Amino acid sequence: MKIELENVRPMDIEKRSFEIITQELKESGKEIDEKLAPIIKRVIHTTADFEFADLLAFSDDVVEKTMEAIKNGAIIVTDTKMAMAGINKKVIHKYGGDVYCFISDDDVAKEAKERGVTRASVSMEKAAKMGKDVIFAIGNAPTALVRLYEMINEGKVDPKLIIGVPVGFVNVVQSKELIMDTNVPYIIAKGRKGGSTIAACICNAILYMMDETRGM
């Protein structure tokens, strides 16, 4: 059997990948909002899973609201070190923001153990106490989304955006539905699918849309 490879220059691989994604979405008859397309396509690019074209849910005007928050110095807080490491910091640093993850902090671990709750829950509480505008990017822990939902209702936090894409089986679907039941801007991956890489790539998609030095 003869296998033919595409001859693509290293710097053109991402561009070619997005061309393939765009073509396959068109061939499937799936219509997506042009304002949301960069996010949806980047998630598909990260996962090679076209189901995300249907799974991703967006609150009204979420891209515009998130960009405005970043321009005003909002920070990003993740629930995993992996997500934090995967987020491109260039644009958010330009506007005075940064990316944080408190999951491994000693004080978070100590309090979580004493209270019998997850470190993800306590790390959300720590973020809420920073006194900053926060974009939460949650790719692993549904308990983080549940605690955010509780704190929103308690008036303890007012997120500029919640990216809710934890992956798994226990309370994953329910935690995402809770966030969609708030008035907070959200980007949610409905169902069980998700992950830290998706949380990071959604952040990057928005940041890349703001980066005038990028060609795509």
Protein backbone atom coordinates (compact mmCIF):
# COMPACT_ATOMS: atom_id res chain seq x y z
CA MET A 1 0.00 0.00 0.00
CA LYS A 2 1.33 3.37 -0.99
CA ILE A 3 0.94 6.12 1.60
CA GLU A 4 1.11 9.70 0.35
CA LEU A 5 2.03 12.46 2.76
CA GLU A 6 1.19 16.12 2.36
CA ASN A 7 4.22 18.29 1.80
CA VAL A 8 3.64 21.06 4.33
CA ARG A 9 6.28 23.40 5.70
CA PRO A 10 6.55 23.35 9.52
CA MET A 11 5.37 26.95 9.81
CA ASP A 12 2.29 26.15 7.71
CA ILE A 13 1.08 23.05 9.58
CA GLU A 14 -1.32 24.93 11.86
CA LYS A 15 -2.68 26.95 8.94
CA ARG A 16 -3.22 23.78 6.91
CA SER A 17 -4.94 22.12 9.87
CA PHE A 18 -7.40 24.98 10.15
CA GLU A 19 -8.07 24.80 6.42
CA ILE A 20 -8.97 21.13 6.80
CA ILE A 21 -11.20 21.87 9.80
CA THR A 22 -13.00 24.65 7.91
CA GLN A 23 -13.54 22.42 4.89
CA GLU A 24 -14.83 19.48 6.90
CA LEU A 25 -17.23 21.71 8.86
CA LYS A 26 -18.52 23.07 5.55
CA GLU A 27 -18.92 19.59 4.08
CA SER A 28 -20.86 18.46 7.15
CA GLY A 29 -23.30 21.33 6.68
CA LYS A 30 -22.55 22.63 10.16
CA GLU A 31 -23.00 26.40 10.36
CA ILE A 32 -21.17 28.19 13.16
CA ASP A 33 -21.23 31.81 14.24
CA GLU A 34 -18.25 33.63 12.71
CA LYS A 35 -17.56 35.40 16.01
CA LEU A 36 -17.27 32.02 17.74
CA ALA A 37 -15.55 30.17 14.90
CA PRO A 38 -11.96 30.83 16.09
CA ILE A 39 -12.79 29.23 19.45
CA ILE A 40 -14.70 26.27 18.06
CA LYS A 41 -12.07 25.56 15.40
CA ARG A 42 -9.20 25.78 17.89
CA VAL A 43 -10.91 23.29 20.20
CA ILE A 44 -11.39 20.94 17.26
CA HIS A 45 -7.76 21.52 16.31
CA THR A 46 -6.67 20.58 19.84
CA THR A 47 -8.86 17.48 20.09
CA ALA A 48 -9.47 16.34 16.49
CA ASP A 49 -13.06 15.94 17.70
CA PHE A 50 -15.73 17.61 15.57
CA GLU A 51 -18.39 16.91 18.20
CA PHE A 52 -17.24 20.07 19.96
CA ALA A 53 -18.92 22.08 17.21
CA ASP A 54 -22.18 20.99 18.86
CA LEU A 55 -21.01 20.60 22.46
CA LEU A 56 -19.64 24.12 23.02
CA ALA A 57 -22.21 26.52 24.46
CA PHE A 58 -21.71 30.27 24.68
CA SER A 59 -23.54 32.98 26.61
CA ASP A 60 -24.57 36.12 24.75
CA ASP A 61 -21.74 38.40 23.59
CA VAL A 62 -19.23 36.35 25.59
CA VAL A 63 -16.27 37.02 23.30
CA GLU A 64 -16.71 40.78 23.35
CA LYS A 65 -17.25 40.83 27.12
CA THR A 66 -14.16 38.69 27.72
CA MET A 67 -11.94 40.81 25.49
CA GLU A 68 -13.10 43.94 27.30
CA ALA A 69 -12.31 42.34 30.66
CA ILE A 70 -8.82 41.39 29.50
CA LYS A 71 -8.21 44.90 28.21
CA ASN A 72 -9.19 46.17 31.65
CA GLY A 73 -6.60 43.97 33.38
CA ALA A 74 -8.57 40.82 34.25
CA ILE A 75 -6.58 37.79 35.39
CA ILE A 76 -7.09 34.13 34.48
CA VAL A 77 -7.33 31.49 37.21
CA THR A 78 -7.16 27.81 36.29
CA ASP A 79 -7.78 24.65 38.28
CA THR A 80 -4.66 22.82 37.05
CA LYS A 81 -1.01 23.63 36.52
CA MET A 82 -1.32 22.04 33.09
CA ALA A 83 -3.93 24.56 31.97
CA MET A 84 -1.92 27.44 33.40
CA ALA A 85 1.21 26.29 31.57
CA GLY A 86 -0.68 25.94 28.30
CA ILE A 87 -2.03 29.48 28.18
CA ASN A 88 -0.07 31.94 26.07
CA LYS A 89 0.71 34.85 28.40
CA LYS A 90 1.78 37.47 25.84
CA VAL A 91 -1.51 39.30 25.37
CA ILE A 92 -2.76 39.16 28.94
CA HIS A 93 0.59 40.51 30.19
CA LYS A 94 0.25 43.35 27.67
CA TYR A 95 -2.89 44.53 29.47
CA GLY A 96 -1.58 44.03 32.99
CA GLY A 97 -3.15 40.67 33.73
CA ASP A 98 -1.62 37.28 34.50
CA VAL A 99 -2.46 33.60 34.84
CA TYR A 100 -2.66 31.84 38.22
CA CYS A 101 -3.27 28.39 39.66
CA PHE A 102 -3.50 27.87 43.41
CA ILE A 103 -4.19 24.13 43.43
CA SER A 104 -0.73 23.23 44.78
CA ASP A 105 -0.41 26.07 47.30
CA ASP A 106 0.35 24.87 50.82
CA ASP A 107 -2.40 26.96 52.40
CA VAL A 108 -4.96 25.61 49.93
CA ALA A 109 -3.95 22.00 50.56
CA LYS A 110 -4.00 22.51 54.35
CA GLU A 111 -7.45 24.12 54.40
CA ALA A 112 -8.92 21.56 52.02
CA LYS A 113 -7.73 18.72 54.24
CA GLU A 114 -9.04 20.36 57.41
CA ARG A 115 -12.47 21.02 55.88
CA GLY A 116 -12.74 17.75 53.98
CA VAL A 117 -13.26 19.45 50.62
CA THR A 118 -11.31 19.47 47.38
CA ARG A 119 -8.32 21.70 46.79
CA ALA A 120 -10.08 22.92 43.64
CA SER A 121 -12.93 24.32 45.74
CA VAL A 122 -10.57 26.12 48.12
CA SER A 123 -8.49 27.47 45.24
CA MET A 124 -11.63 29.11 43.82
CA GLU A 125 -12.20 30.77 47.18
CA LYS A 126 -8.62 32.01 47.24
CA ALA A 127 -9.04 33.50 43.77
CA ALA A 128 -12.25 35.25 44.82
CA LYS A 129 -10.39 36.97 47.67
CA MET A 130 -7.80 38.55 45.35
CA GLY A 131 -10.01 41.56 44.68
CA LYS A 132 -9.44 41.35 40.92
CA ASP A 133 -11.60 40.76 37.88
CA VAL A 134 -11.25 37.04 37.20
CA ILE A 135 -11.68 34.75 34.23
CA PHE A 136 -11.98 31.18 35.53
CA ALA A 137 -10.74 28.41 33.22
CA ILE A 138 -11.83 25.05 34.65
CA GLY A 139 -10.83 21.91 32.77
CA ASN A 140 -10.56 19.25 35.43
CA ALA A 141 -12.57 19.73 38.62
CA PRO A 142 -16.38 19.90 38.64
CA THR A 143 -16.11 20.81 42.33
CA ALA A 144 -14.51 24.09 41.24
CA LEU A 145 -17.59 24.89 39.14
CA VAL A 146 -19.93 23.91 41.96
CA ARG A 147 -18.09 26.17 44.41
CA LEU A 148 -18.11 29.04 41.91
CA TYR A 149 -21.86 28.59 41.50
CA GLU A 150 -22.32 28.75 45.26
CA MET A 151 -20.13 31.84 45.63
CA ILE A 152 -21.93 33.60 42.76
CA ASN A 153 -25.25 33.06 44.56
CA GLU A 154 -23.67 34.18 47.84
CA GLY A 155 -22.43 37.38 46.21
CA LYS A 156 -18.80 36.50 46.94
CA VAL A 157 -17.55 36.45 43.36
CA ASP A 158 -18.57 38.02 40.07
CA PRO A 159 -16.57 36.27 37.33
CA LYS A 160 -15.93 38.03 34.06
CA LEU A 161 -16.05 34.62 32.38
CA ILE A 162 -16.27 30.99 33.38
CA ILE A 163 -14.80 28.47 30.98
CA GLY A 164 -16.38 25.27 32.24
CA VAL A 165 -14.93 22.24 30.49
CA PRO A 166 -14.11 19.62 33.15
CA VAL A 167 -13.88 16.06 31.86
CA GLY A 168 -15.19 12.97 33.60
CA PHE A 169 -18.22 11.21 35.03
CA VAL A 170 -19.03 12.36 38.57
CA ASN A 171 -21.04 15.61 38.71
CA VAL A 172 -19.36 16.82 35.50
CA VAL A 173 -22.57 17.36 33.52
CA GLN A 174 -24.43 18.79 36.50
CA SER A 175 -21.68 21.28 37.40
CA LYS A 176 -21.67 22.66 33.86
CA GLU A 177 -25.46 23.02 33.90
CA LEU A 178 -25.24 24.97 37.17
CA ILE A 179 -22.96 27.56 35.55
CA MET A 180 -25.25 27.85 32.54
CA ASP A 181 -28.06 28.65 34.99
CA THR A 182 -26.28 31.82 36.21
CA ASN A 183 -26.09 35.28 34.67
CA VAL A 184 -22.30 35.04 34.42
CA PRO A 185 -20.65 34.95 30.95
CA TYR A 186 -19.72 31.37 30.14
CA ILE A 187 -18.19 29.01 27.60
CA ILE A 188 -19.22 25.46 28.45
CA ALA A 189 -18.54 22.08 26.89
CA LYS A 190 -21.82 20.29 27.43
CA GLY A 191 -21.68 16.66 28.46
CA ARG A 192 -18.75 14.65 29.80
CA LYS A 193 -16.03 15.78 27.41
CA GLY A 194 -13.44 18.43 28.24
CA GLY A 195 -10.05 18.70 29.87
CA SER A 196 -7.28 21.08 30.89
CA THR A 197 -5.96 21.32 27.33
CA ILE A 198 -9.36 22.51 26.16
CA ALA A 199 -9.59 25.09 28.94
CA ALA A 200 -6.20 26.43 27.87
CA CYS A 201 -6.98 26.42 24.17
CA ILE A 202 -10.22 28.37 24.68
CA CYS A 203 -8.23 31.01 26.55
CA ASN A 204 -5.66 31.02 23.77
CA ALA A 205 -8.28 31.33 21.06
CA ILE A 206 -9.58 34.53 22.63
CA LEU A 207 -6.10 35.87 23.32
CA TYR A 208 -5.00 35.12 19.75
CA MET A 209 -8.05 37.01 18.45
CA MET A 210 -6.69 40.03 20.34
CA ASP A 211 -3.11 39.58 19.17
CA GLU A 212 -2.51 41.79 16.16
CA THR A 213 0.88 40.16 15.52
CA ARG A 214 -0.67 36.79 14.68
CA GLY A 215 -1.54 36.00 11.12
CA MET A 216 -4.61 33.91 11.97
